[in-house]
Amino acid sequence: MRTLMLISVCLSPMLFAGCMATPKPQVVIKYVTVERHIPASLKRQPPPIWSKPGGPQVTGDLLDRGDVNEAGLRVCTAQIKKINQWDKGT
């Protein structure tokens, strides 16, 4: 019995050493920078404005200029909508 008690007394520190040597859990924080870039398809230049050397000379020139400029505004408006959707992440 004395031998058994001596063995258990000698082994006890070894058994509990693992419990006492366990380090405290730590929270690891890692910051990651995410760079978002506007897709190239959304960075296209708008269509050129209507121009005619010497400016408009007949009424038809003014109509053409209005049509060209309106088409350009439609393209720009659609492009801005797509950029806003991209920015929202949808």
N, C-alpha and C. Protein backbone atom coordinates (compact mmCIF):
# COMPACT_ATOMS: atom_id res chain seq x y z
N MET A 1 0.82 -1.19 0.00
CA MET A 1 0.00 0.00 0.00
C MET A 1 0.86 1.25 0.00
N ARG A 2 1.93 1.19 0.76
CA ARG A 2 2.83 2.33 0.83
C ARG A 2 3.49 2.58 -0.53
N THR A 3 3.80 1.54 -1.25
CA THR A 3 4.41 1.66 -2.57
C THR A 3 3.43 2.29 -3.55
N LEU A 4 2.20 1.85 -3.49
CA LEU A 4 1.17 2.40 -4.36
C LEU A 4 0.95 3.88 -4.08
N MET A 5 0.97 4.23 -2.81
CA MET A 5 0.80 5.63 -2.43
C MET A 5 1.99 6.46 -2.90
N LEU A 6 3.18 5.90 -2.80
CA LEU A 6 4.38 6.60 -3.24
C LEU A 6 4.36 6.81 -4.76
N ILE A 7 3.92 5.82 -5.48
CA ILE A 7 3.83 5.94 -6.95
C ILE A 7 2.79 6.98 -7.32
N SER A 8 1.64 6.97 -6.67
CA SER A 8 0.60 7.95 -7.01
C SER A 8 1.03 9.36 -6.65
N VAL A 9 1.77 9.53 -5.57
CA VAL A 9 2.26 10.85 -5.19
C VAL A 9 3.29 11.33 -6.21
N CYS A 10 4.11 10.42 -6.71
CA CYS A 10 5.13 10.79 -7.69
C CYS A 10 4.53 11.08 -9.07
N LEU A 11 3.47 10.39 -9.44
CA LEU A 11 2.87 10.57 -10.75
C LEU A 11 1.88 11.73 -10.79
N SER A 12 1.37 12.13 -9.65
CA SER A 12 0.37 13.20 -9.63
C SER A 12 0.85 14.48 -10.28
N PRO A 13 2.04 14.98 -9.98
CA PRO A 13 2.48 16.21 -10.65
C PRO A 13 2.58 16.05 -12.15
N MET A 14 2.94 14.88 -12.64
CA MET A 14 3.03 14.66 -14.08
C MET A 14 1.65 14.68 -14.72
N LEU A 15 0.67 14.11 -14.04
CA LEU A 15 -0.68 14.08 -14.59
C LEU A 15 -1.28 15.47 -14.66
N PHE A 16 -1.05 16.28 -13.64
CA PHE A 16 -1.63 17.61 -13.60
C PHE A 16 -0.78 18.65 -14.33
N ALA A 17 0.43 18.29 -14.71
CA ALA A 17 1.31 19.25 -15.40
C ALA A 17 0.70 19.68 -16.73
N GLY A 18 0.05 18.74 -17.42
CA GLY A 18 -0.57 19.08 -18.70
C GLY A 18 -1.68 20.08 -18.53
N CYS A 19 -2.42 20.00 -17.47
CA CYS A 19 -3.52 20.94 -17.22
C CYS A 19 -3.01 22.32 -16.86
N MET A 20 -1.94 22.38 -16.15
CA MET A 20 -1.44 23.68 -15.70
C MET A 20 -0.62 24.38 -16.79
N ALA A 21 -0.06 23.63 -17.72
CA ALA A 21 0.80 24.23 -18.74
C ALA A 21 0.01 24.69 -19.97
N THR A 22 -1.29 24.47 -19.99
CA THR A 22 -2.09 24.85 -21.15
C THR A 22 -2.19 26.38 -21.22
N PRO A 23 -1.77 26.98 -22.34
CA PRO A 23 -1.84 28.44 -22.44
C PRO A 23 -3.29 28.91 -22.55
N LYS A 24 -3.52 30.14 -22.16
CA LYS A 24 -4.85 30.72 -22.27
C LYS A 24 -5.21 30.87 -23.74
N PRO A 25 -6.46 30.65 -24.09
CA PRO A 25 -6.87 30.87 -25.48
C PRO A 25 -6.75 32.35 -25.82
N GLN A 26 -6.34 32.64 -27.05
CA GLN A 26 -6.16 34.02 -27.48
C GLN A 26 -7.02 34.28 -28.70
N VAL A 27 -7.47 35.50 -28.82
CA VAL A 27 -8.22 35.91 -30.00
C VAL A 27 -7.22 36.54 -30.96
N VAL A 28 -7.19 36.02 -32.17
CA VAL A 28 -6.27 36.55 -33.18
C VAL A 28 -7.09 37.38 -34.15
N ILE A 29 -6.69 38.62 -34.33
CA ILE A 29 -7.38 39.53 -35.25
C ILE A 29 -6.46 39.79 -36.43
N LYS A 30 -7.01 39.57 -37.61
CA LYS A 30 -6.24 39.80 -38.83
C LYS A 30 -7.04 40.75 -39.71
N TYR A 31 -6.45 41.86 -40.05
CA TYR A 31 -7.10 42.83 -40.91
C TYR A 31 -6.72 42.54 -42.36
N VAL A 32 -7.72 42.50 -43.21
CA VAL A 32 -7.49 42.25 -44.63
C VAL A 32 -8.08 43.42 -45.40
N THR A 33 -7.28 44.03 -46.23
CA THR A 33 -7.75 45.15 -47.05
C THR A 33 -8.28 44.59 -48.37
N VAL A 34 -9.52 44.92 -48.65
CA VAL A 34 -10.14 44.46 -49.89
C VAL A 34 -10.31 45.68 -50.79
N GLU A 35 -9.66 45.65 -51.91
CA GLU A 35 -9.76 46.76 -52.86
C GLU A 35 -10.74 46.39 -53.95
N ARG A 36 -11.73 47.22 -54.10
CA ARG A 36 -12.70 47.00 -55.16
C ARG A 36 -12.43 48.02 -56.26
N HIS A 37 -12.43 47.55 -57.47
CA HIS A 37 -12.22 48.44 -58.61
C HIS A 37 -13.44 48.36 -59.52
N ILE A 38 -13.78 49.49 -60.10
CA ILE A 38 -14.89 49.51 -61.04
C ILE A 38 -14.49 48.68 -62.26
N PRO A 39 -15.35 47.76 -62.71
CA PRO A 39 -15.03 46.95 -63.89
C PRO A 39 -14.78 47.84 -65.11
N ALA A 40 -13.88 47.39 -65.95
CA ALA A 40 -13.50 48.16 -67.14
C ALA A 40 -14.69 48.45 -68.05
N SER A 41 -15.64 47.51 -68.11
CA SER A 41 -16.80 47.72 -68.98
C SER A 41 -17.65 48.91 -68.53
N LEU A 42 -17.53 49.29 -67.25
CA LEU A 42 -18.30 50.43 -66.75
C LEU A 42 -17.53 51.74 -66.82
N LYS A 43 -16.28 51.68 -67.28
CA LYS A 43 -15.46 52.89 -67.37
C LYS A 43 -15.29 53.37 -68.81
N ARG A 44 -16.16 52.90 -69.69
CA ARG A 44 -16.08 53.33 -71.09
C ARG A 44 -16.34 54.82 -71.21
N GLN A 45 -15.71 55.42 -72.18
CA GLN A 45 -15.96 56.84 -72.46
C GLN A 45 -17.35 56.98 -73.07
N PRO A 46 -18.06 58.06 -72.76
CA PRO A 46 -19.37 58.28 -73.38
C PRO A 46 -19.21 58.55 -74.87
N PRO A 47 -20.27 58.37 -75.62
CA PRO A 47 -20.18 58.66 -77.06
C PRO A 47 -19.85 60.13 -77.30
N PRO A 48 -19.19 60.41 -78.40
CA PRO A 48 -18.82 61.81 -78.67
C PRO A 48 -20.07 62.66 -78.96
N ILE A 49 -19.96 63.94 -78.65
CA ILE A 49 -21.07 64.84 -78.94
C ILE A 49 -21.11 65.12 -80.44
N TRP A 50 -22.25 65.57 -80.90
CA TRP A 50 -22.41 65.89 -82.31
C TRP A 50 -21.63 67.15 -82.61
N SER A 51 -20.92 67.12 -83.69
CA SER A 51 -20.24 68.34 -84.11
C SER A 51 -20.16 68.37 -85.64
N LYS A 52 -20.20 69.55 -86.14
CA LYS A 52 -20.09 69.75 -87.59
C LYS A 52 -19.25 70.99 -87.78
N PRO A 53 -18.24 70.90 -88.63
CA PRO A 53 -17.43 72.09 -88.85
C PRO A 53 -18.31 73.28 -89.28
N GLY A 54 -18.15 74.39 -88.59
CA GLY A 54 -18.95 75.57 -88.90
C GLY A 54 -20.27 75.60 -88.15
N GLY A 55 -20.60 74.51 -87.45
CA GLY A 55 -21.84 74.46 -86.69
C GLY A 55 -23.03 74.08 -87.54
N PRO A 56 -24.18 73.98 -86.90
CA PRO A 56 -25.38 73.61 -87.66
C PRO A 56 -25.76 74.72 -88.65
N GLN A 57 -26.16 74.29 -89.85
CA GLN A 57 -26.49 75.28 -90.88
C GLN A 57 -27.93 75.19 -91.33
N VAL A 58 -28.51 74.00 -91.16
CA VAL A 58 -29.92 73.83 -91.56
C VAL A 58 -30.66 73.21 -90.38
N THR A 59 -31.97 73.24 -90.45
CA THR A 59 -32.79 72.71 -89.36
C THR A 59 -32.51 71.23 -89.12
N GLY A 60 -32.24 70.50 -90.18
CA GLY A 60 -31.93 69.06 -90.04
C GLY A 60 -30.70 68.82 -89.18
N ASP A 61 -29.73 69.74 -89.24
CA ASP A 61 -28.52 69.61 -88.41
C ASP A 61 -28.88 69.68 -86.92
N LEU A 62 -29.81 70.57 -86.60
CA LEU A 62 -30.23 70.68 -85.20
C LEU A 62 -30.94 69.42 -84.73
N LEU A 63 -31.76 68.84 -85.60
CA LEU A 63 -32.44 67.59 -85.26
C LEU A 63 -31.42 66.46 -85.06
N ASP A 64 -30.45 66.38 -85.95
CA ASP A 64 -29.41 65.35 -85.84
C ASP A 64 -28.64 65.52 -84.53
N ARG A 65 -28.28 66.76 -84.23
CA ARG A 65 -27.53 67.03 -83.01
C ARG A 65 -28.34 66.60 -81.78
N GLY A 66 -29.62 66.91 -81.77
CA GLY A 66 -30.49 66.52 -80.65
C GLY A 66 -30.56 65.00 -80.51
N ASP A 67 -30.69 64.31 -81.64
CA ASP A 67 -30.77 62.85 -81.60
C ASP A 67 -29.47 62.23 -81.08
N VAL A 68 -28.35 62.73 -81.57
CA VAL A 68 -27.05 62.20 -81.15
C VAL A 68 -26.82 62.46 -79.66
N ASN A 69 -27.12 63.67 -79.23
CA ASN A 69 -26.92 64.00 -77.82
C ASN A 69 -27.86 63.21 -76.92
N GLU A 70 -29.11 62.98 -77.35
CA GLU A 70 -30.05 62.19 -76.57
C GLU A 70 -29.57 60.74 -76.44
N ALA A 71 -29.08 60.20 -77.54
CA ALA A 71 -28.56 58.82 -77.50
C ALA A 71 -27.36 58.73 -76.54
N GLY A 72 -26.51 59.74 -76.56
CA GLY A 72 -25.36 59.76 -75.65
C GLY A 72 -25.80 59.82 -74.19
N LEU A 73 -26.83 60.63 -73.90
CA LEU A 73 -27.35 60.71 -72.54
C LEU A 73 -27.94 59.38 -72.09
N ARG A 74 -28.60 58.69 -73.00
CA ARG A 74 -29.16 57.37 -72.65
C ARG A 74 -28.04 56.38 -72.30
N VAL A 75 -26.97 56.41 -73.07
CA VAL A 75 -25.83 55.52 -72.80
C VAL A 75 -25.23 55.85 -71.43
N CYS A 76 -25.03 57.14 -71.16
CA CYS A 76 -24.44 57.55 -69.88
C CYS A 76 -25.35 57.19 -68.71
N THR A 77 -26.65 57.38 -68.87
CA THR A 77 -27.60 57.05 -67.81
C THR A 77 -27.57 55.56 -67.50
N ALA A 78 -27.54 54.73 -68.54
CA ALA A 78 -27.47 53.28 -68.33
C ALA A 78 -26.17 52.90 -67.64
N GLN A 79 -25.10 53.54 -68.03
CA GLN A 79 -23.79 53.26 -67.43
C GLN A 79 -23.78 53.65 -65.95
N ILE A 80 -24.34 54.79 -65.61
CA ILE A 80 -24.40 55.22 -64.21
C ILE A 80 -25.25 54.25 -63.39
N LYS A 81 -26.36 53.78 -63.95
CA LYS A 81 -27.20 52.79 -63.24
C LYS A 81 -26.40 51.53 -62.94
N LYS A 82 -25.63 51.06 -63.91
CA LYS A 82 -24.81 49.85 -63.71
C LYS A 82 -23.74 50.08 -62.66
N ILE A 83 -23.14 51.26 -62.66
CA ILE A 83 -22.11 51.57 -61.66
C ILE A 83 -22.73 51.58 -60.27
N ASN A 84 -23.92 52.18 -60.13
CA ASN A 84 -24.59 52.20 -58.83
C ASN A 84 -24.95 50.79 -58.37
N GLN A 85 -25.41 49.94 -59.28
CA GLN A 85 -25.72 48.55 -58.93
C GLN A 85 -24.45 47.84 -58.49
N TRP A 86 -23.37 48.03 -59.22
CA TRP A 86 -22.09 47.39 -58.85
C TRP A 86 -21.65 47.85 -57.48
N ASP A 87 -21.81 49.15 -57.21
CA ASP A 87 -21.38 49.69 -55.93
C ASP A 87 -22.18 49.13 -54.77
N LYS A 88 -23.45 48.84 -54.99
CA LYS A 88 -24.30 48.25 -53.95
C LYS A 88 -24.01 46.76 -53.79
N GLY A 89 -23.33 46.17 -54.77
CA GLY A 89 -22.99 44.74 -54.70
C GLY A 89 -24.08 43.84 -55.23
N THR A 90 -25.00 44.37 -56.02
CA THR A 90 -26.07 43.52 -56.56
C THR A 90 -25.77 43.15 -57.97
